[in-house]
Amino acid sequence: MNETQRQADSGKRTLRREFLSVRNRLTEDDVREKAVLLAERALELPVLAGASTVAAYVSMSTEPGTGPLIEALDARGVRVLLPVLLADNDLSWGAYQGPDSLVEVHHRGKMALHEPSGPPLGTDAVLDADAVLLPGVAVDRAGVRLGRGGGSYDRVLARLARAGKDPALVVLLYDAEVVARLPHEPHDRPVHAAVTPSKVHRFGV
């Protein structure tokens, strides 16, 4: 890692802590109310409203809530794929089949996650997605996303690129998490849109 990369990585860690600190002050009611608004805003995006398959994720704690959006997509007949964390931090996928199809899984050294209980579809299942919802803590006006730092979605994005796939990449955030500029590196892949409770920010769709 060269000096420029070290500085970018350090800057990302600092910003990540700052954004997460603000999130952690949200109440359960705040998260629940904003999740409903996020679902309404997200379905304003034609790439989501008209998708056949969407790769999503189950939000945890004070993350922008994905539950109402997953339910809305499922009610429309959209095939929703949800991640299954593998031992090497890569992601396999499973099909969402209603809230009762989710199980709490405890991964060593990580918070418990809710994952689909059905048969795993493999890491390449995401290649069928028309849109991919990405977790993040911020995005800038160029579509540069600041992720959680685990690297799982970097692998997903690299897999899509290797396969020549170009689904709509959408990040769900709170309003204050859309900022003017974030540190980035050459391999960072911009998202096409960010959805907040009050607005849809389009960068490429």
Protein backbone atom coordinates (compact mmCIF):
# COMPACT_ATOMS: atom_id res chain seq x y z
CA MET A 1 0.00 0.00 0.00
CA ASN A 2 1.52 3.34 -1.04
CA GLU A 3 1.27 6.61 0.90
CA THR A 4 -1.71 7.90 -1.12
CA GLN A 5 -3.64 4.69 -0.45
CA ARG A 6 -2.76 4.81 3.26
CA GLN A 7 -4.04 8.37 3.51
CA ALA A 8 -7.26 7.48 1.68
CA ASP A 9 -7.79 4.45 3.93
CA SER A 10 -7.16 6.50 7.08
CA GLY A 11 -9.56 9.19 5.87
CA LYS A 12 -12.24 6.59 5.19
CA ARG A 13 -11.90 5.07 8.67
CA THR A 14 -12.25 8.49 10.31
CA LEU A 15 -15.30 9.43 8.26
CA ARG A 16 -16.88 6.02 8.83
CA ARG A 17 -16.61 6.45 12.60
CA GLU A 18 -18.14 9.92 12.40
CA PHE A 19 -21.13 8.85 10.31
CA LEU A 20 -21.75 5.75 12.43
CA SER A 21 -21.60 7.83 15.60
CA VAL A 22 -24.47 9.97 14.31
CA ARG A 23 -26.45 6.88 13.29
CA ASN A 24 -26.04 5.32 16.71
CA ARG A 25 -27.97 8.20 18.26
CA LEU A 26 -31.12 7.31 16.30
CA THR A 27 -34.00 5.74 18.19
CA GLU A 28 -35.88 2.63 17.06
CA ASP A 29 -38.83 4.86 16.15
CA ASP A 30 -36.55 7.08 14.03
CA VAL A 31 -35.21 4.07 12.12
CA ARG A 32 -38.67 2.57 11.62
CA GLU A 33 -40.24 5.80 10.36
CA LYS A 34 -37.37 6.54 7.99
CA ALA A 35 -37.46 2.97 6.62
CA VAL A 36 -41.03 3.50 5.42
CA LEU A 37 -40.03 6.73 3.68
CA LEU A 38 -36.97 5.03 2.16
CA ALA A 39 -39.18 2.36 0.60
CA GLU A 40 -41.48 4.99 -0.89
CA ARG A 41 -38.57 6.97 -2.34
CA ALA A 42 -36.75 3.88 -3.63
CA LEU A 43 -39.75 2.77 -5.67
CA GLU A 44 -39.60 6.11 -7.50
CA LEU A 45 -36.55 4.68 -9.27
CA PRO A 46 -37.72 2.88 -12.43
CA VAL A 47 -34.76 0.49 -12.18
CA LEU A 48 -36.17 -0.78 -8.88
CA ALA A 49 -39.89 -0.48 -9.59
CA GLY A 50 -39.50 -2.38 -12.86
CA ALA A 51 -36.86 -4.91 -11.85
CA SER A 52 -37.36 -8.66 -12.12
CA THR A 53 -34.58 -9.52 -9.64
CA VAL A 54 -33.09 -7.28 -6.95
CA ALA A 55 -30.14 -8.17 -4.74
CA ALA A 56 -30.89 -6.53 -1.39
CA TYR A 57 -29.76 -6.96 2.22
CA VAL A 58 -31.36 -7.10 5.65
CA SER A 59 -30.54 -3.92 7.58
CA MET A 60 -29.34 -4.20 11.15
CA SER A 61 -29.46 -1.90 14.18
CA THR A 62 -29.54 1.78 13.11
CA GLU A 63 -28.74 1.16 9.43
CA PRO A 64 -31.24 2.73 7.01
CA GLY A 65 -34.05 0.19 7.18
CA THR A 66 -34.56 -2.16 4.24
CA GLY A 67 -37.49 -4.17 5.61
CA PRO A 68 -40.39 -2.16 4.11
CA LEU A 69 -38.62 -2.00 0.72
CA ILE A 70 -37.97 -5.75 0.66
CA GLU A 71 -41.63 -6.37 1.51
CA ALA A 72 -42.81 -3.94 -1.18
CA LEU A 73 -40.61 -5.53 -3.84
CA ASP A 74 -41.75 -9.02 -2.84
CA ALA A 75 -45.41 -7.93 -2.99
CA ARG A 76 -44.82 -6.74 -6.56
CA GLY A 77 -43.56 -10.16 -7.57
CA VAL A 78 -39.90 -9.11 -7.69
CA ARG A 79 -37.41 -11.89 -6.92
CA VAL A 80 -35.39 -10.59 -3.97
CA LEU A 81 -31.97 -12.08 -3.26
CA LEU A 82 -30.42 -11.66 0.19
CA PRO A 83 -26.79 -12.23 1.17
CA VAL A 84 -25.35 -15.13 3.10
CA LEU A 85 -21.97 -14.27 4.61
CA LEU A 86 -19.27 -16.85 3.94
CA ALA A 87 -16.25 -17.62 6.10
CA ASP A 88 -13.92 -15.63 3.81
CA ASN A 89 -16.24 -12.55 3.92
CA ASP A 90 -17.53 -13.22 0.39
CA LEU A 91 -21.29 -13.36 -0.15
CA SER A 92 -23.48 -16.18 -1.33
CA TRP A 93 -27.18 -15.48 -1.86
CA GLY A 94 -30.58 -16.90 -1.04
CA ALA A 95 -34.10 -16.08 -2.16
CA TYR A 96 -36.38 -14.09 0.14
CA GLN A 97 -39.58 -16.01 0.86
CA GLY A 98 -41.24 -13.81 3.47
CA PRO A 99 -40.15 -12.62 6.93
CA ASP A 100 -40.44 -16.14 8.37
CA SER A 101 -37.76 -17.31 5.91
CA LEU A 102 -35.05 -15.30 7.71
CA VAL A 103 -32.92 -16.77 10.47
CA GLU A 104 -30.50 -15.10 12.85
CA VAL A 105 -26.95 -16.26 12.18
CA HIS A 106 -24.03 -15.57 14.52
CA HIS A 107 -20.72 -15.19 12.70
CA ARG A 108 -17.55 -15.29 14.78
CA GLY A 109 -16.35 -11.79 15.61
CA LYS A 110 -19.31 -10.09 13.89
CA MET A 111 -22.79 -8.96 14.84
CA ALA A 112 -25.62 -11.41 14.30
CA LEU A 113 -27.11 -11.19 10.82
CA HIS A 114 -30.50 -12.15 9.45
CA GLU A 115 -30.02 -14.43 6.45
CA PRO A 116 -32.35 -16.45 4.20
CA SER A 117 -32.89 -19.98 5.46
CA GLY A 118 -33.48 -21.53 2.03
CA PRO A 119 -30.86 -23.29 -0.09
CA PRO A 120 -27.81 -21.14 -0.89
CA LEU A 121 -27.71 -20.10 -4.53
CA GLY A 122 -23.97 -19.41 -4.69
CA THR A 123 -21.85 -16.32 -5.15
CA ASP A 124 -22.77 -15.95 -8.83
CA ALA A 125 -26.51 -15.62 -8.16
CA VAL A 126 -26.03 -11.84 -7.95
CA LEU A 127 -25.21 -11.85 -11.67
CA ASP A 128 -28.95 -12.24 -12.36
CA ALA A 129 -29.85 -9.01 -10.56
CA ASP A 130 -31.25 -6.01 -12.43
CA ALA A 131 -30.41 -3.84 -9.42
CA VAL A 132 -28.15 -4.28 -6.40
CA LEU A 133 -28.81 -2.49 -3.11
CA LEU A 134 -25.51 -1.71 -1.40
CA PRO A 135 -25.04 -0.91 2.27
CA GLY A 136 -22.99 2.18 2.98
CA VAL A 137 -22.47 5.03 5.40
CA ALA A 138 -22.18 7.91 2.92
CA VAL A 139 -22.03 8.83 -0.75
CA ASP A 140 -20.74 11.91 -2.54
CA ARG A 141 -22.03 13.91 -5.48
CA ALA A 142 -20.00 11.78 -7.90
CA GLY A 143 -21.59 8.57 -6.63
CA VAL A 144 -18.55 7.46 -4.63
CA ARG A 145 -19.80 5.21 -1.82
CA LEU A 146 -18.22 4.86 1.61
CA GLY A 147 -18.92 1.30 2.73
CA ARG A 148 -18.75 -0.38 6.12
CA GLY A 149 -15.16 -1.49 5.52
CA GLY A 150 -15.63 -5.25 5.49
CA GLY A 151 -14.85 -5.70 1.81
CA SER A 152 -17.71 -8.12 1.06
CA TYR A 153 -19.38 -5.81 -1.43
CA ASP A 154 -16.08 -4.95 -3.09
CA ARG A 155 -15.99 -8.64 -4.03
CA VAL A 156 -19.56 -8.50 -5.28
CA LEU A 157 -18.80 -5.46 -7.45
CA ALA A 158 -15.63 -7.08 -8.78
CA ARG A 159 -17.60 -10.24 -9.64
CA LEU A 160 -20.17 -8.19 -11.56
CA ALA A 161 -17.41 -6.37 -13.45
CA ARG A 162 -15.61 -9.60 -14.39
CA ALA A 163 -18.85 -11.00 -15.75
CA GLY A 164 -19.55 -7.86 -17.77
CA LYS A 165 -22.73 -7.19 -15.78
CA ASP A 166 -23.95 -3.65 -15.17
CA PRO A 167 -26.96 -3.69 -12.83
CA ALA A 168 -28.17 -0.50 -11.25
CA LEU A 169 -26.18 0.09 -8.06
CA VAL A 170 -28.23 1.82 -5.38
CA VAL A 171 -27.21 2.81 -1.84
CA LEU A 172 -29.73 3.54 0.93
CA LEU A 173 -28.74 6.33 3.31
CA TYR A 174 -30.00 9.02 5.64
CA ASP A 175 -30.26 12.57 4.31
CA ALA A 176 -27.14 13.93 6.02
CA GLU A 177 -25.03 11.12 4.54
CA VAL A 178 -25.02 12.58 1.01
CA VAL A 179 -21.97 14.83 1.01
CA ALA A 180 -19.94 16.90 -1.43
CA ARG A 181 -16.84 14.71 -1.63
CA LEU A 182 -15.41 11.51 -0.18
CA PRO A 183 -11.91 10.04 -0.41
CA HIS A 184 -11.73 7.35 -3.06
CA GLU A 185 -9.34 5.03 -4.82
CA PRO A 186 -9.09 4.07 -8.51
CA HIS A 187 -10.83 0.72 -7.97
CA ASP A 188 -13.88 2.28 -6.28
CA ARG A 189 -16.96 1.80 -8.45
CA PRO A 190 -19.49 4.66 -8.27
CA VAL A 191 -23.12 3.88 -7.58
CA HIS A 192 -25.89 4.95 -9.93
CA ALA A 193 -28.23 6.33 -7.27
CA ALA A 194 -28.62 7.04 -3.57
CA VAL A 195 -31.99 6.95 -1.84
CA THR A 196 -32.65 8.90 1.35
CA PRO A 197 -35.94 9.35 3.23
CA SER A 198 -36.57 12.68 1.49
CA LYS A 199 -34.99 12.34 -1.94
CA VAL A 200 -33.62 10.19 -4.74
CA HIS A 201 -30.14 11.24 -5.90
CA ARG A 202 -29.42 10.00 -9.41
CA PHE A 203 -25.82 9.73 -10.55
CA GLY A 204 -26.24 7.48 -13.58
CA VAL A 205 -29.84 6.25 -13.91
